[in-house]
Amino acid sequence: MAGTVEQKLAAQGVVLPEPRAAMANYVGFVRTGNLLFVSGQVCANAEGKLTAKGKLGAGVTIEQGYAAAQSCGVNLLAQIKAALGDLDKVVRVVRLGGFINSVPDFLEGPKVMNGASDLMVAAFGDKGRHARTTVGVASLPSDAAVEVDGVFEVS
C-alpha cells in the first residue's frame, strides 16, 4: 500500500492548515450526494497571509503564481478534510477552476494553475487527474494572485 493521502502529502512537506473561514455570506463547502463542492480558496498560508499578492505579468512571476496555486490546492485539501474527516474518502478530483489575477495580455495562466493540478495528482495519483478551467481575472479578494475552487467525488 502506498500510504494515506496525508502521508503522501507529509512526505512532500505539505501540512494541512485549519481551513479558512468564509469571507462573506457563503460556506467553505457543500456536499450533495457523492459530490463535494469546495468554495474558492485564495493563496493564503496557515497564518492567513497571502503567499502571492498582485498581478501575474506585473510583478508576480509564473513561478510565484505556481506556488500560489499550490497553496490554494493545500487550502482546498484542508476544506475537504474538514468536510469528510479523511482525505482518503476522495474517490476522484472531478474539476478545478482557477482564477488568475493578471494583466490583460498575460497568457500563461495554465502554467500557473499547474501548481494546484500537480498537487492533486501528487496527493491522489490517477484519481487526482481532473477537468480544469483557468481564467484570467481583473482582481481577486485582498489582491490575491490566485484563487482555486474544486469539485470532488467522495465516498
N, C-alpha and C. Protein backbone atom coordinates (compact mmCIF):
# COMPACT_ATOMS: atom_id res chain seq x y z
N MET A 1 0.85 -1.19 0.00
CA MET A 1 0.00 0.00 0.00
C MET A 1 0.88 1.24 0.00
N ALA A 2 0.51 2.23 -0.78
CA ALA A 2 1.32 3.43 -0.94
C ALA A 2 1.18 4.42 0.21
N GLY A 3 0.27 4.19 1.14
CA GLY A 3 0.09 5.11 2.25
C GLY A 3 -1.13 5.97 2.04
N THR A 4 -1.52 6.64 3.11
CA THR A 4 -2.68 7.51 3.02
C THR A 4 -2.32 8.78 2.27
N VAL A 5 -3.35 9.50 1.86
CA VAL A 5 -3.13 10.77 1.16
C VAL A 5 -2.34 11.72 2.05
N GLU A 6 -2.70 11.80 3.32
CA GLU A 6 -1.98 12.72 4.22
C GLU A 6 -0.53 12.30 4.41
N GLN A 7 -0.25 10.98 4.41
CA GLN A 7 1.14 10.52 4.49
C GLN A 7 1.92 10.93 3.24
N LYS A 8 1.28 10.81 2.08
CA LYS A 8 1.93 11.24 0.83
C LYS A 8 2.24 12.72 0.87
N LEU A 9 1.28 13.50 1.35
CA LEU A 9 1.49 14.95 1.44
C LEU A 9 2.60 15.28 2.43
N ALA A 10 2.58 14.63 3.60
CA ALA A 10 3.60 14.89 4.62
C ALA A 10 5.00 14.56 4.10
N ALA A 11 5.10 13.50 3.30
CA ALA A 11 6.39 13.13 2.72
C ALA A 11 6.91 14.21 1.78
N GLN A 12 6.01 15.04 1.27
CA GLN A 12 6.41 16.16 0.40
C GLN A 12 6.50 17.47 1.17
N GLY A 13 6.35 17.40 2.50
CA GLY A 13 6.44 18.60 3.32
C GLY A 13 5.16 19.42 3.38
N VAL A 14 4.04 18.84 2.94
CA VAL A 14 2.77 19.56 2.95
C VAL A 14 2.00 19.22 4.22
N VAL A 15 1.71 20.23 5.00
CA VAL A 15 0.91 20.09 6.21
C VAL A 15 -0.37 20.89 6.01
N LEU A 16 -1.50 20.28 6.29
CA LEU A 16 -2.77 20.98 6.09
C LEU A 16 -3.03 21.96 7.22
N PRO A 17 -3.37 23.20 6.87
CA PRO A 17 -3.72 24.18 7.90
C PRO A 17 -5.17 24.00 8.33
N GLU A 18 -5.58 24.75 9.34
CA GLU A 18 -7.00 24.83 9.66
C GLU A 18 -7.67 25.52 8.47
N PRO A 19 -8.84 25.04 8.04
CA PRO A 19 -9.48 25.69 6.90
C PRO A 19 -9.87 27.12 7.22
N ARG A 20 -9.75 27.96 6.21
CA ARG A 20 -10.09 29.38 6.37
C ARG A 20 -11.60 29.55 6.47
N ALA A 21 -12.01 30.47 7.29
CA ALA A 21 -13.43 30.80 7.40
C ALA A 21 -13.87 31.56 6.16
N ALA A 22 -15.12 31.44 5.80
CA ALA A 22 -15.67 32.18 4.66
C ALA A 22 -15.54 33.68 4.92
N MET A 23 -15.27 34.42 3.85
CA MET A 23 -15.05 35.86 3.96
C MET A 23 -16.34 36.65 3.75
N ALA A 24 -17.43 35.99 3.42
CA ALA A 24 -18.71 36.67 3.15
C ALA A 24 -19.85 35.69 3.42
N ASN A 25 -20.98 35.87 2.78
CA ASN A 25 -22.16 35.07 3.03
C ASN A 25 -22.17 33.80 2.18
N TYR A 26 -21.31 32.85 2.53
CA TYR A 26 -21.22 31.55 1.88
C TYR A 26 -20.55 30.58 2.84
N VAL A 27 -20.50 29.32 2.46
CA VAL A 27 -19.83 28.32 3.29
C VAL A 27 -18.63 27.77 2.53
N GLY A 28 -17.72 27.16 3.24
CA GLY A 28 -16.48 26.65 2.64
C GLY A 28 -16.69 25.47 1.71
N PHE A 29 -17.74 24.70 1.96
CA PHE A 29 -18.01 23.53 1.11
C PHE A 29 -19.48 23.16 1.23
N VAL A 30 -19.97 22.47 0.21
CA VAL A 30 -21.31 21.91 0.20
C VAL A 30 -21.22 20.51 -0.37
N ARG A 31 -21.80 19.56 0.35
CA ARG A 31 -21.87 18.20 -0.16
C ARG A 31 -23.30 17.92 -0.60
N THR A 32 -23.43 17.36 -1.80
CA THR A 32 -24.72 16.90 -2.28
C THR A 32 -24.48 15.53 -2.90
N GLY A 33 -25.11 14.52 -2.33
CA GLY A 33 -24.86 13.15 -2.79
C GLY A 33 -23.40 12.80 -2.62
N ASN A 34 -22.80 12.32 -3.69
CA ASN A 34 -21.39 11.94 -3.61
C ASN A 34 -20.46 13.01 -4.21
N LEU A 35 -20.96 14.24 -4.33
CA LEU A 35 -20.13 15.35 -4.81
C LEU A 35 -19.90 16.36 -3.70
N LEU A 36 -18.65 16.81 -3.59
CA LEU A 36 -18.28 17.85 -2.64
C LEU A 36 -17.80 19.05 -3.45
N PHE A 37 -18.49 20.17 -3.30
CA PHE A 37 -18.11 21.42 -3.95
C PHE A 37 -17.38 22.26 -2.92
N VAL A 38 -16.15 22.65 -3.23
CA VAL A 38 -15.37 23.46 -2.31
C VAL A 38 -15.25 24.87 -2.88
N SER A 39 -15.63 25.85 -2.05
CA SER A 39 -15.57 27.25 -2.45
C SER A 39 -14.15 27.66 -2.80
N GLY A 40 -14.04 28.73 -3.56
CA GLY A 40 -12.73 29.23 -3.95
C GLY A 40 -11.83 29.50 -2.77
N GLN A 41 -10.61 29.04 -2.87
CA GLN A 41 -9.60 29.23 -1.83
C GLN A 41 -8.49 30.10 -2.38
N VAL A 42 -8.20 31.20 -1.69
CA VAL A 42 -7.11 32.06 -2.13
C VAL A 42 -5.78 31.49 -1.65
N CYS A 43 -4.72 32.08 -2.12
CA CYS A 43 -3.37 31.59 -1.86
C CYS A 43 -2.83 32.11 -0.53
N ALA A 44 -3.44 31.66 0.55
CA ALA A 44 -3.00 32.08 1.88
C ALA A 44 -2.30 30.92 2.58
N ASN A 45 -1.33 31.26 3.42
CA ASN A 45 -0.63 30.24 4.19
C ASN A 45 -1.39 29.95 5.48
N ALA A 46 -0.83 29.12 6.34
CA ALA A 46 -1.50 28.70 7.57
C ALA A 46 -1.80 29.87 8.50
N GLU A 47 -1.02 30.93 8.41
CA GLU A 47 -1.25 32.12 9.24
C GLU A 47 -2.25 33.08 8.61
N GLY A 48 -2.73 32.76 7.41
CA GLY A 48 -3.68 33.63 6.73
C GLY A 48 -3.06 34.70 5.87
N LYS A 49 -1.73 34.69 5.76
CA LYS A 49 -1.02 35.68 4.94
C LYS A 49 -0.96 35.19 3.49
N LEU A 50 -1.23 36.08 2.55
CA LEU A 50 -1.16 35.70 1.14
C LEU A 50 0.25 35.29 0.76
N THR A 51 0.37 34.19 0.02
CA THR A 51 1.68 33.74 -0.44
C THR A 51 2.11 34.48 -1.70
N ALA A 52 1.17 35.07 -2.41
CA ALA A 52 1.48 35.93 -3.56
C ALA A 52 0.35 36.94 -3.69
N LYS A 53 0.74 38.19 -3.82
CA LYS A 53 -0.23 39.27 -3.89
C LYS A 53 0.07 40.09 -5.15
N GLY A 54 -0.98 40.44 -5.87
CA GLY A 54 -0.80 41.26 -7.06
C GLY A 54 -1.09 40.49 -8.34
N LYS A 55 -0.64 41.03 -9.44
CA LYS A 55 -0.99 40.52 -10.76
C LYS A 55 0.14 39.73 -11.41
N LEU A 56 -0.25 38.59 -12.00
CA LEU A 56 0.67 37.86 -12.86
C LEU A 56 0.90 38.72 -14.10
N GLY A 57 2.15 38.81 -14.50
CA GLY A 57 2.50 39.64 -15.66
C GLY A 57 2.81 41.07 -15.27
N ALA A 58 2.70 41.41 -13.99
CA ALA A 58 3.02 42.76 -13.50
C ALA A 58 3.52 42.65 -12.06
N GLY A 59 4.64 41.98 -11.88
CA GLY A 59 5.23 41.88 -10.56
C GLY A 59 5.21 40.49 -9.96
N VAL A 60 4.23 39.66 -10.31
CA VAL A 60 4.18 38.29 -9.81
C VAL A 60 4.64 37.38 -10.95
N THR A 61 5.66 36.57 -10.69
CA THR A 61 6.22 35.69 -11.72
C THR A 61 5.39 34.42 -11.88
N ILE A 62 5.62 33.70 -12.97
CA ILE A 62 4.94 32.42 -13.17
C ILE A 62 5.29 31.46 -12.04
N GLU A 63 6.54 31.45 -11.60
CA GLU A 63 6.96 30.56 -10.51
C GLU A 63 6.25 30.92 -9.20
N GLN A 64 6.12 32.20 -8.92
CA GLN A 64 5.39 32.63 -7.72
C GLN A 64 3.91 32.27 -7.85
N GLY A 65 3.37 32.41 -9.05
CA GLY A 65 1.97 32.06 -9.29
C GLY A 65 1.74 30.57 -9.13
N TYR A 66 2.68 29.76 -9.62
CA TYR A 66 2.59 28.30 -9.46
C TYR A 66 2.54 27.93 -7.98
N ALA A 67 3.44 28.52 -7.19
CA ALA A 67 3.46 28.26 -5.75
C ALA A 67 2.17 28.75 -5.09
N ALA A 68 1.64 29.86 -5.57
CA ALA A 68 0.38 30.39 -5.03
C ALA A 68 -0.77 29.43 -5.34
N ALA A 69 -0.81 28.91 -6.56
CA ALA A 69 -1.86 27.94 -6.92
C ALA A 69 -1.72 26.68 -6.08
N GLN A 70 -0.49 26.28 -5.80
CA GLN A 70 -0.27 25.12 -4.95
C GLN A 70 -0.81 25.38 -3.55
N SER A 71 -0.60 26.59 -3.02
CA SER A 71 -1.13 26.89 -1.69
C SER A 71 -2.66 26.93 -1.71
N CYS A 72 -3.26 27.35 -2.83
CA CYS A 72 -4.72 27.26 -2.97
C CYS A 72 -5.15 25.80 -2.89
N GLY A 73 -4.39 24.92 -3.54
CA GLY A 73 -4.68 23.49 -3.51
C GLY A 73 -4.59 22.92 -2.10
N VAL A 74 -3.62 23.35 -1.34
CA VAL A 74 -3.49 22.91 0.05
C VAL A 74 -4.72 23.35 0.83
N ASN A 75 -5.19 24.57 0.58
CA ASN A 75 -6.38 25.06 1.27
C ASN A 75 -7.64 24.31 0.84
N LEU A 76 -7.71 23.89 -0.42
CA LEU A 76 -8.81 23.03 -0.86
C LEU A 76 -8.79 21.73 -0.07
N LEU A 77 -7.62 21.13 0.06
CA LEU A 77 -7.49 19.87 0.80
C LEU A 77 -7.89 20.05 2.26
N ALA A 78 -7.56 21.19 2.84
CA ALA A 78 -7.95 21.45 4.23
C ALA A 78 -9.47 21.51 4.36
N GLN A 79 -10.14 22.10 3.39
CA GLN A 79 -11.60 22.14 3.41
C GLN A 79 -12.19 20.74 3.25
N ILE A 80 -11.58 19.94 2.36
CA ILE A 80 -12.06 18.56 2.17
C ILE A 80 -11.93 17.78 3.46
N LYS A 81 -10.80 17.94 4.14
CA LYS A 81 -10.61 17.21 5.40
C LYS A 81 -11.65 17.66 6.43
N ALA A 82 -11.95 18.95 6.46
CA ALA A 82 -12.97 19.44 7.38
C ALA A 82 -14.34 18.85 7.04
N ALA A 83 -14.61 18.69 5.77
CA ALA A 83 -15.91 18.17 5.33
C ALA A 83 -16.05 16.68 5.60
N LEU A 84 -14.97 15.93 5.35
CA LEU A 84 -15.05 14.46 5.37
C LEU A 84 -14.33 13.81 6.54
N GLY A 85 -13.40 14.54 7.15
CA GLY A 85 -12.61 13.97 8.24
C GLY A 85 -11.43 13.14 7.77
N ASP A 86 -11.39 12.81 6.48
CA ASP A 86 -10.36 11.90 5.95
C ASP A 86 -10.22 12.11 4.45
N LEU A 87 -9.04 12.51 4.02
CA LEU A 87 -8.81 12.74 2.59
C LEU A 87 -8.90 11.46 1.77
N ASP A 88 -8.77 10.31 2.41
CA ASP A 88 -8.87 9.04 1.69
C ASP A 88 -10.30 8.74 1.25
N LYS A 89 -11.25 9.56 1.64
CA LYS A 89 -12.63 9.41 1.18
C LYS A 89 -12.86 10.08 -0.17
N VAL A 90 -11.82 10.73 -0.71
CA VAL A 90 -11.93 11.30 -2.05
C VAL A 90 -11.81 10.17 -3.06
N VAL A 91 -12.83 10.01 -3.86
CA VAL A 91 -12.85 8.99 -4.90
C VAL A 91 -12.17 9.52 -6.16
N ARG A 92 -12.38 10.82 -6.43
CA ARG A 92 -11.84 11.41 -7.65
C ARG A 92 -11.86 12.93 -7.53
N VAL A 93 -10.82 13.58 -8.01
CA VAL A 93 -10.85 15.02 -8.21
C VAL A 93 -11.55 15.22 -9.55
N VAL A 94 -12.71 15.84 -9.54
CA VAL A 94 -13.51 15.97 -10.76
C VAL A 94 -13.10 17.19 -11.57
N ARG A 95 -13.03 18.34 -10.91
CA ARG A 95 -12.76 19.58 -11.63
C ARG A 95 -12.12 20.61 -10.72
N LEU A 96 -11.18 21.37 -11.26
CA LEU A 96 -10.63 22.55 -10.59
C LEU A 96 -10.92 23.76 -11.46
N GLY A 97 -11.25 24.85 -10.80
CA GLY A 97 -11.42 26.12 -11.50
C GLY A 97 -10.40 27.10 -10.96
N GLY A 98 -9.60 27.67 -11.85
CA GLY A 98 -8.55 28.59 -11.43
C GLY A 98 -8.82 30.00 -11.89
N PHE A 99 -8.62 30.94 -10.99
CA PHE A 99 -8.79 32.36 -11.27
C PHE A 99 -7.45 33.03 -11.04
N ILE A 100 -6.89 33.57 -12.12
CA ILE A 100 -5.55 34.14 -12.07
C ILE A 100 -5.65 35.65 -12.17
N ASN A 101 -5.26 36.35 -11.12
CA ASN A 101 -5.25 37.81 -11.10
C ASN A 101 -4.11 38.24 -12.02
N SER A 102 -4.47 38.78 -13.18
CA SER A 102 -3.42 39.03 -14.18
C SER A 102 -3.72 40.25 -15.04
N VAL A 103 -2.66 40.72 -15.67
CA VAL A 103 -2.82 41.80 -16.65
C VAL A 103 -3.51 41.22 -17.88
N PRO A 104 -4.17 42.06 -18.68
CA PRO A 104 -4.96 41.55 -19.80
C PRO A 104 -4.19 40.69 -20.81
N ASP A 105 -2.92 40.95 -21.01
CA ASP A 105 -2.19 40.19 -22.03
C ASP A 105 -1.37 39.03 -21.45
N PHE A 106 -1.62 38.65 -20.20
CA PHE A 106 -0.92 37.51 -19.60
C PHE A 106 -1.54 36.23 -20.13
N LEU A 107 -0.74 35.39 -20.78
CA LEU A 107 -1.24 34.20 -21.46
C LEU A 107 -0.79 32.89 -20.81
N GLU A 108 -0.14 32.96 -19.68
CA GLU A 108 0.45 31.77 -19.06
C GLU A 108 -0.35 31.25 -17.87
N GLY A 109 -1.63 31.58 -17.79
CA GLY A 109 -2.47 31.11 -16.70
C GLY A 109 -2.43 29.60 -16.49
N PRO A 110 -2.47 28.80 -17.57
CA PRO A 110 -2.39 27.35 -17.38
C PRO A 110 -1.11 26.89 -16.68
N LYS A 111 0.01 27.55 -16.92
CA LYS A 111 1.25 27.19 -16.23
C LYS A 111 1.13 27.49 -14.73
N VAL A 112 0.46 28.58 -14.40
CA VAL A 112 0.23 28.94 -13.00
C VAL A 112 -0.66 27.87 -12.35
N MET A 113 -1.78 27.53 -13.00
CA MET A 113 -2.73 26.57 -12.44
C MET A 113 -2.15 25.18 -12.25
N ASN A 114 -1.07 24.88 -12.96
CA ASN A 114 -0.42 23.58 -12.76
C ASN A 114 0.01 23.38 -11.31
N GLY A 115 0.21 24.46 -10.57
CA GLY A 115 0.58 24.32 -9.15
C GLY A 115 -0.48 23.56 -8.38
N ALA A 116 -1.75 23.88 -8.61
CA ALA A 116 -2.84 23.18 -7.93
C ALA A 116 -3.05 21.79 -8.54
N SER A 117 -3.00 21.71 -9.86
CA SER A 117 -3.22 20.42 -10.53
C SER A 117 -2.14 19.41 -10.17
N ASP A 118 -0.89 19.83 -10.17
CA ASP A 118 0.21 18.92 -9.82
C ASP A 118 0.07 18.42 -8.39
N LEU A 119 -0.40 19.28 -7.49
CA LEU A 119 -0.60 18.87 -6.10
C LEU A 119 -1.66 17.79 -6.00
N MET A 120 -2.76 17.94 -6.75
CA MET A 120 -3.84 16.94 -6.70
C MET A 120 -3.35 15.58 -7.21
N VAL A 121 -2.56 15.58 -8.26
CA VAL A 121 -2.02 14.32 -8.80
C VAL A 121 -1.01 13.72 -7.82
N ALA A 122 -0.19 14.57 -7.20
CA ALA A 122 0.77 14.07 -6.21
C ALA A 122 0.05 13.45 -5.02
N ALA A 123 -1.08 14.03 -4.62
CA ALA A 123 -1.82 13.54 -3.46
C ALA A 123 -2.64 12.30 -3.77
N PHE A 124 -3.31 12.30 -4.93
CA PHE A 124 -4.30 11.26 -5.21
C PHE A 124 -3.92 10.33 -6.35
N GLY A 125 -2.76 10.53 -6.97
CA GLY A 125 -2.37 9.70 -8.11
C GLY A 125 -3.32 9.92 -9.28
N ASP A 126 -3.65 8.86 -10.00
CA ASP A 126 -4.53 8.98 -11.16
C ASP A 126 -5.91 9.52 -10.79
N LYS A 127 -6.36 9.29 -9.55
CA LYS A 127 -7.65 9.83 -9.10
C LYS A 127 -7.60 11.36 -8.99
N GLY A 128 -6.40 11.91 -9.03
CA GLY A 128 -6.23 13.36 -8.93
C GLY A 128 -6.29 14.07 -10.28
N ARG A 129 -6.30 13.30 -11.38
CA ARG A 129 -6.40 13.92 -12.71
C ARG A 129 -7.83 14.40 -12.90
N HIS A 130 -7.97 15.61 -13.42
CA HIS A 130 -9.26 16.29 -13.38
C HIS A 130 -9.48 17.16 -14.61
N ALA A 131 -10.74 17.52 -14.80
CA ALA A 131 -11.07 18.58 -15.76
C ALA A 131 -10.69 19.91 -15.11
N ARG A 132 -10.49 20.94 -15.95
CA ARG A 132 -9.99 22.19 -15.38
C ARG A 132 -10.37 23.37 -16.24
N THR A 133 -10.59 24.49 -15.58
CA THR A 133 -10.76 25.77 -16.26
C THR A 133 -9.79 26.75 -15.63
N THR A 134 -9.14 27.56 -16.45
CA THR A 134 -8.26 28.60 -15.96
C THR A 134 -8.67 29.90 -16.62
N VAL A 135 -8.95 30.92 -15.80
CA VAL A 135 -9.44 32.19 -16.29
C VAL A 135 -8.61 33.33 -15.71
N GLY A 136 -8.19 34.24 -16.54
CA GLY A 136 -7.54 35.45 -16.07
C GLY A 136 -8.61 36.44 -15.63
N VAL A 137 -8.41 37.05 -14.48
CA VAL A 137 -9.40 38.00 -13.94
C VAL A 137 -8.73 39.33 -13.60
N ALA A 138 -9.56 40.37 -13.50
CA ALA A 138 -9.06 41.72 -13.23
C ALA A 138 -8.65 41.91 -11.78
N SER A 139 -9.29 41.18 -10.85
CA SER A 139 -8.94 41.30 -9.44
C SER A 139 -9.48 40.11 -8.68
N LEU A 140 -8.92 39.89 -7.50
CA LEU A 140 -9.37 38.85 -6.57
C LEU A 140 -9.41 39.44 -5.17
N PRO A 141 -10.14 38.80 -4.24
CA PRO A 141 -10.22 39.33 -2.87
C PRO A 141 -8.83 39.55 -2.26
N SER A 142 -8.67 40.67 -1.59
CA SER A 142 -7.42 41.03 -0.91
C SER A 142 -6.23 41.13 -1.86
N ASP A 143 -6.49 41.25 -3.16
CA ASP A 143 -5.44 41.31 -4.20
C ASP A 143 -4.63 40.01 -4.27
N ALA A 144 -5.27 38.89 -3.90
CA ALA A 144 -4.61 37.58 -4.03
C ALA A 144 -4.24 37.36 -5.48
N ALA A 145 -3.12 36.69 -5.71
CA ALA A 145 -2.68 36.41 -7.08
C ALA A 145 -3.48 35.28 -7.72
N VAL A 146 -3.95 34.32 -6.90
CA VAL A 146 -4.63 33.13 -7.43
C VAL A 146 -5.74 32.71 -6.47
N GLU A 147 -6.82 32.18 -7.04
CA GLU A 147 -7.89 31.54 -6.28
C GLU A 147 -8.30 30.29 -7.04
N VAL A 148 -8.57 29.21 -6.31
CA VAL A 148 -8.93 27.93 -6.95
C VAL A 148 -10.13 27.34 -6.21
N ASP A 149 -11.12 26.86 -6.97
CA ASP A 149 -12.23 26.11 -6.39
C ASP A 149 -12.20 24.70 -6.96
N GLY A 150 -13.03 23.79 -6.40
CA GLY A 150 -12.98 22.43 -6.88
C GLY A 150 -14.24 21.65 -6.62
N VAL A 151 -14.40 20.58 -7.41
CA VAL A 151 -15.47 19.62 -7.25
C VAL A 151 -14.81 18.24 -7.10
N PHE A 152 -15.26 17.49 -6.10
CA PHE A 152 -14.66 16.21 -5.76
C PHE A 152 -15.73 15.15 -5.60
N GLU A 153 -15.50 13.97 -6.17
CA GLU A 153 -16.36 12.82 -5.91
C GLU A 153 -15.86 12.19 -4.63
N VAL A 154 -16.79 11.92 -3.69
CA VAL A 154 -16.40 11.40 -2.39
C VAL A 154 -17.24 10.20 -2.00
N SER A 155 -16.72 9.42 -1.06
CA SER A 155 -17.47 8.26 -0.57
C SER A 155 -18.10 8.55 0.77
